[in-house]
Amino acid sequence: MERYAVIDNGTVTNVVLWDGETEWGGADQAVPCPEGVNIGDTYQDGEFIPAEPE
């Protein structure tokens, strides 16, 4: 299983473990991601950009 970021309009809305082989059931895009990617981060031009701390 690998980590995938679920992307909606350029924002990471979830991080999941997925085998990448079974059909993705979500309506949003799933992109392989490294450790450290979190909900609220931005995904732009193939890069993950950390969210600004609150």
N, C-alpha and C. Protein backbone atom coordinates (compact mmCIF):
# COMPACT_ATOMS: atom_id res chain seq x y z
N MET A 1 0.84 -1.18 0.00
CA MET A 1 0.00 0.00 0.00
C MET A 1 0.89 1.24 0.00
N GLU A 2 0.44 2.23 -0.74
CA GLU A 2 1.16 3.49 -0.82
C GLU A 2 0.27 4.63 -0.35
N ARG A 3 0.91 5.74 0.00
CA ARG A 3 0.17 6.94 0.41
C ARG A 3 -0.27 7.71 -0.83
N TYR A 4 -1.53 8.12 -0.82
CA TYR A 4 -2.07 8.95 -1.90
C TYR A 4 -2.76 10.15 -1.27
N ALA A 5 -2.57 11.30 -1.91
CA ALA A 5 -3.29 12.50 -1.51
C ALA A 5 -4.53 12.61 -2.38
N VAL A 6 -5.66 12.85 -1.76
CA VAL A 6 -6.90 13.08 -2.50
C VAL A 6 -6.99 14.59 -2.73
N ILE A 7 -7.09 14.97 -4.02
CA ILE A 7 -7.02 16.37 -4.41
C ILE A 7 -8.37 16.85 -4.92
N ASP A 8 -8.83 17.98 -4.41
CA ASP A 8 -10.06 18.62 -4.88
C ASP A 8 -9.74 20.09 -5.13
N ASN A 9 -9.82 20.50 -6.39
CA ASN A 9 -9.53 21.89 -6.77
C ASN A 9 -8.17 22.37 -6.26
N GLY A 10 -7.16 21.50 -6.35
CA GLY A 10 -5.80 21.88 -5.98
C GLY A 10 -5.48 21.80 -4.50
N THR A 11 -6.43 21.34 -3.68
CA THR A 11 -6.20 21.24 -2.24
C THR A 11 -6.28 19.79 -1.80
N VAL A 12 -5.34 19.38 -0.94
CA VAL A 12 -5.36 18.03 -0.38
C VAL A 12 -6.51 17.97 0.62
N THR A 13 -7.48 17.09 0.34
CA THR A 13 -8.65 16.95 1.22
C THR A 13 -8.57 15.70 2.08
N ASN A 14 -7.66 14.78 1.73
CA ASN A 14 -7.49 13.56 2.52
C ASN A 14 -6.18 12.91 2.10
N VAL A 15 -5.62 12.09 2.96
CA VAL A 15 -4.45 11.27 2.65
C VAL A 15 -4.83 9.84 3.01
N VAL A 16 -4.68 8.92 2.04
CA VAL A 16 -5.14 7.54 2.21
C VAL A 16 -4.05 6.56 1.82
N LEU A 17 -4.20 5.32 2.31
CA LEU A 17 -3.38 4.21 1.84
C LEU A 17 -4.20 3.47 0.79
N TRP A 18 -3.61 3.25 -0.39
CA TRP A 18 -4.33 2.63 -1.50
C TRP A 18 -3.33 1.81 -2.30
N ASP A 19 -3.78 0.68 -2.83
CA ASP A 19 -2.87 -0.17 -3.61
C ASP A 19 -2.60 0.38 -5.00
N GLY A 20 -3.39 1.35 -5.46
CA GLY A 20 -3.17 1.95 -6.76
C GLY A 20 -3.62 1.08 -7.92
N GLU A 21 -4.11 -0.11 -7.62
CA GLU A 21 -4.51 -1.04 -8.67
C GLU A 21 -6.02 -1.15 -8.79
N THR A 22 -6.70 -1.28 -7.65
CA THR A 22 -8.15 -1.36 -7.72
C THR A 22 -8.69 -0.01 -8.19
N GLU A 23 -9.89 -0.03 -8.75
CA GLU A 23 -10.47 1.21 -9.28
C GLU A 23 -10.67 2.22 -8.16
N TRP A 24 -10.24 3.46 -8.41
CA TRP A 24 -10.43 4.53 -7.43
C TRP A 24 -11.90 4.89 -7.42
N GLY A 25 -12.54 4.81 -6.25
CA GLY A 25 -13.97 5.03 -6.15
C GLY A 25 -14.36 6.47 -5.89
N GLY A 26 -13.41 7.31 -5.60
CA GLY A 26 -13.75 8.69 -5.29
C GLY A 26 -13.88 9.55 -6.53
N ALA A 27 -14.60 10.63 -6.41
CA ALA A 27 -14.77 11.55 -7.54
C ALA A 27 -13.55 12.44 -7.71
N ASP A 28 -12.77 12.62 -6.65
CA ASP A 28 -11.61 13.50 -6.70
C ASP A 28 -10.39 12.74 -7.23
N GLN A 29 -9.34 13.48 -7.54
CA GLN A 29 -8.10 12.92 -8.05
C GLN A 29 -7.28 12.35 -6.89
N ALA A 30 -6.62 11.20 -7.10
CA ALA A 30 -5.72 10.62 -6.11
C ALA A 30 -4.31 10.62 -6.69
N VAL A 31 -3.35 11.20 -5.96
CA VAL A 31 -1.99 11.37 -6.43
C VAL A 31 -1.04 10.75 -5.41
N PRO A 32 -0.07 9.90 -5.86
CA PRO A 32 0.91 9.37 -4.91
C PRO A 32 1.62 10.53 -4.19
N CYS A 33 1.85 10.35 -2.89
CA CYS A 33 2.48 11.44 -2.14
C CYS A 33 3.46 10.89 -1.11
N PRO A 34 4.46 11.69 -0.77
CA PRO A 34 5.42 11.28 0.25
C PRO A 34 4.89 11.55 1.66
N GLU A 35 5.60 11.01 2.66
CA GLU A 35 5.31 11.35 4.05
C GLU A 35 5.41 12.87 4.19
N GLY A 36 4.62 13.43 5.05
CA GLY A 36 4.69 14.87 5.29
C GLY A 36 3.63 15.66 4.56
N VAL A 37 2.96 15.05 3.56
CA VAL A 37 1.84 15.73 2.90
C VAL A 37 0.63 15.61 3.81
N ASN A 38 -0.06 16.72 4.02
CA ASN A 38 -1.17 16.77 4.96
C ASN A 38 -2.41 17.41 4.35
N ILE A 39 -3.55 17.15 4.96
CA ILE A 39 -4.80 17.79 4.57
C ILE A 39 -4.60 19.31 4.67
N GLY A 40 -5.06 20.02 3.64
CA GLY A 40 -4.93 21.47 3.60
C GLY A 40 -3.76 21.93 2.75
N ASP A 41 -2.81 21.03 2.43
CA ASP A 41 -1.71 21.39 1.55
C ASP A 41 -2.25 21.65 0.15
N THR A 42 -1.46 22.33 -0.67
CA THR A 42 -1.82 22.62 -2.06
C THR A 42 -1.06 21.69 -2.98
N TYR A 43 -1.72 21.26 -4.06
CA TYR A 43 -1.07 20.48 -5.11
C TYR A 43 -1.15 21.30 -6.39
N GLN A 44 0.02 21.75 -6.87
CA GLN A 44 0.07 22.63 -8.04
C GLN A 44 1.24 22.26 -8.92
N ASP A 45 0.98 22.07 -10.21
CA ASP A 45 2.03 21.75 -11.19
C ASP A 45 2.86 20.55 -10.76
N GLY A 46 2.21 19.54 -10.17
CA GLY A 46 2.89 18.31 -9.79
C GLY A 46 3.67 18.40 -8.49
N GLU A 47 3.54 19.49 -7.76
CA GLU A 47 4.27 19.70 -6.50
C GLU A 47 3.29 19.88 -5.35
N PHE A 48 3.68 19.37 -4.18
CA PHE A 48 2.91 19.60 -2.96
C PHE A 48 3.50 20.80 -2.23
N ILE A 49 2.63 21.74 -1.86
CA ILE A 49 3.05 22.95 -1.17
C ILE A 49 2.39 22.94 0.21
N PRO A 50 3.20 22.95 1.28
CA PRO A 50 2.62 22.91 2.63
C PRO A 50 1.71 24.10 2.89
N ALA A 51 0.65 23.84 3.66
CA ALA A 51 -0.26 24.91 4.07
C ALA A 51 0.47 25.82 5.05
N GLU A 52 0.08 27.08 5.06
CA GLU A 52 0.64 28.04 6.02
C GLU A 52 0.17 27.68 7.42
N PRO A 53 1.06 27.71 8.41
CA PRO A 53 0.64 27.43 9.79
C PRO A 53 -0.37 28.47 10.25
N GLU A 54 -1.29 28.03 11.08
CA GLU A 54 -2.32 28.96 11.60
C GLU A 54 -1.79 29.73 12.78
